[in-house]
Amino acid sequence: MLRIRKNDTVMVITGESKGKIGKVLKVFPDKERVIVEGVNFIKRHTRPSQKNPQGGIIEKEAPIHMSNVKLVHAGQATKVGYKTLKDGKKVRVARKTGEVIDAI
């Protein structure tokens, strides 16, 4: 089960972009990688096309491993746990505060 999801706010905890906070744009569950807004930029050389008639060098975000990010909840980075409520719903829980993040 994935602990990080699309549209979560995360903080990068290791690497070149350490300390940066951004929104998760895309999740690759099979590779355990995520693309975070404004983090881990790469330069891609593109040839002219219909979409980009000029071509040239574009910068875009590259995927980083899920182990290198932590969920940000209530202004602080925290691990994510799971809890089953009395009514049978499974929810994500912030380990640091114990607060419910969202239902699954």
Protein backbone atom coordinates (compact mmCIF):
# COMPACT_ATOMS: atom_id res chain seq x y z
CA MET A 1 0.00 0.00 0.00
CA LEU A 2 1.30 3.43 -0.96
CA ARG A 3 1.66 6.02 1.76
CA ILE A 4 2.11 8.98 -0.60
CA ARG A 5 -0.63 9.95 -3.06
CA LYS A 6 -1.26 12.46 -5.82
CA ASN A 7 -1.94 16.01 -4.54
CA ASP A 8 -0.26 15.33 -1.16
CA THR A 9 2.16 17.99 0.07
CA VAL A 10 5.56 16.45 0.73
CA MET A 11 9.01 17.49 1.92
CA VAL A 12 12.20 16.12 0.35
CA ILE A 13 14.34 14.66 3.14
CA THR A 14 17.53 13.70 1.25
CA GLY A 15 19.48 14.63 -1.84
CA GLU A 16 20.10 17.80 -3.78
CA SER A 17 16.61 19.21 -3.12
CA LYS A 18 16.63 18.47 0.64
CA GLY A 19 14.19 20.64 2.59
CA LYS A 20 12.06 21.65 -0.40
CA ILE A 21 8.29 21.31 -0.10
CA GLY A 22 6.02 20.63 -3.06
CA LYS A 23 2.85 18.97 -4.27
CA VAL A 24 2.92 15.44 -5.70
CA LEU A 25 2.02 15.68 -9.38
CA LYS A 26 2.23 12.00 -10.33
CA VAL A 27 2.83 8.66 -8.60
CA PHE A 28 4.44 5.57 -10.17
CA PRO A 29 3.45 2.74 -7.77
CA ASP A 30 5.26 -0.06 -9.61
CA LYS A 31 8.58 1.83 -9.52
CA GLU A 32 7.92 3.42 -6.08
CA ARG A 33 8.65 6.89 -7.44
CA VAL A 34 6.87 10.25 -7.37
CA ILE A 35 7.12 13.51 -9.30
CA VAL A 36 7.11 16.52 -6.97
CA GLU A 37 6.36 20.05 -8.18
CA GLY A 38 9.52 22.20 -8.33
CA VAL A 39 11.91 19.40 -7.29
CA ASN A 40 14.60 17.41 -9.18
CA PHE A 41 14.69 19.30 -12.47
CA ILE A 42 16.30 17.74 -15.56
CA LYS A 43 17.06 19.29 -18.95
CA ARG A 44 15.52 17.56 -21.93
CA HIS A 45 16.72 18.31 -25.47
CA THR A 46 13.67 18.27 -27.77
CA ARG A 47 13.39 18.52 -31.52
CA PRO A 48 10.73 20.73 -33.11
CA SER A 49 7.22 19.25 -33.10
CA GLN A 50 3.58 20.36 -33.46
CA LYS A 51 3.37 21.00 -29.72
CA ASN A 52 6.75 22.74 -29.48
CA PRO A 53 7.60 24.21 -32.93
CA GLN A 54 10.78 25.92 -31.68
CA GLY A 55 12.33 22.81 -30.09
CA GLY A 56 15.35 23.36 -27.85
CA ILE A 57 16.11 22.59 -24.21
CA ILE A 58 13.23 22.33 -21.75
CA GLU A 59 13.41 21.79 -17.99
CA LYS A 60 11.00 19.44 -16.27
CA GLU A 61 10.65 17.52 -13.04
CA ALA A 62 12.04 13.99 -12.89
CA PRO A 63 10.75 11.23 -10.58
CA ILE A 64 12.37 10.69 -7.17
CA HIS A 65 12.07 7.66 -4.92
CA MET A 66 9.26 7.62 -2.34
CA SER A 67 11.71 6.90 0.46
CA ASN A 68 13.22 10.36 -0.10
CA VAL A 69 10.00 12.25 0.71
CA LYS A 70 7.83 12.65 3.81
CA LEU A 71 4.24 13.80 4.00
CA VAL A 72 3.70 17.31 5.40
CA HIS A 73 0.70 17.50 7.75
CA ALA A 74 -0.13 20.47 9.98
CA GLY A 75 3.06 22.22 8.90
CA GLN A 76 5.52 19.47 9.82
CA ALA A 77 6.93 16.41 8.06
CA THR A 78 5.57 13.15 9.41
CA LYS A 79 5.48 9.44 8.70
CA VAL A 80 2.17 7.93 7.59
CA GLY A 81 0.42 5.10 9.39
CA TYR A 82 -2.91 3.36 9.00
CA LYS A 83 -5.73 2.79 11.44
CA THR A 84 -9.07 1.04 11.16
CA LEU A 85 -11.91 2.94 12.80
CA LYS A 86 -14.79 1.31 14.70
CA ASP A 87 -17.12 1.65 11.72
CA GLY A 88 -14.66 -0.36 9.59
CA LYS A 89 -13.15 2.50 7.59
CA LYS A 90 -9.39 2.44 7.04
CA VAL A 91 -7.75 5.87 7.37
CA ARG A 92 -4.29 7.37 6.96
CA VAL A 93 -2.88 8.73 10.22
CA ALA A 94 -0.02 11.16 10.89
CA ARG A 95 2.44 9.30 13.13
CA LYS A 96 3.76 12.48 14.75
CA THR A 97 0.41 13.86 15.92
CA GLY A 98 -1.94 10.88 15.65
CA GLU A 99 -4.43 12.96 13.64
CA VAL A 100 -6.44 11.41 10.81
CA ILE A 101 -5.23 12.65 7.42
CA ASP A 102 -7.96 11.19 5.19
CA ALA A 103 -10.13 8.15 4.63
CA ILE A 104 -9.21 5.53 2.04
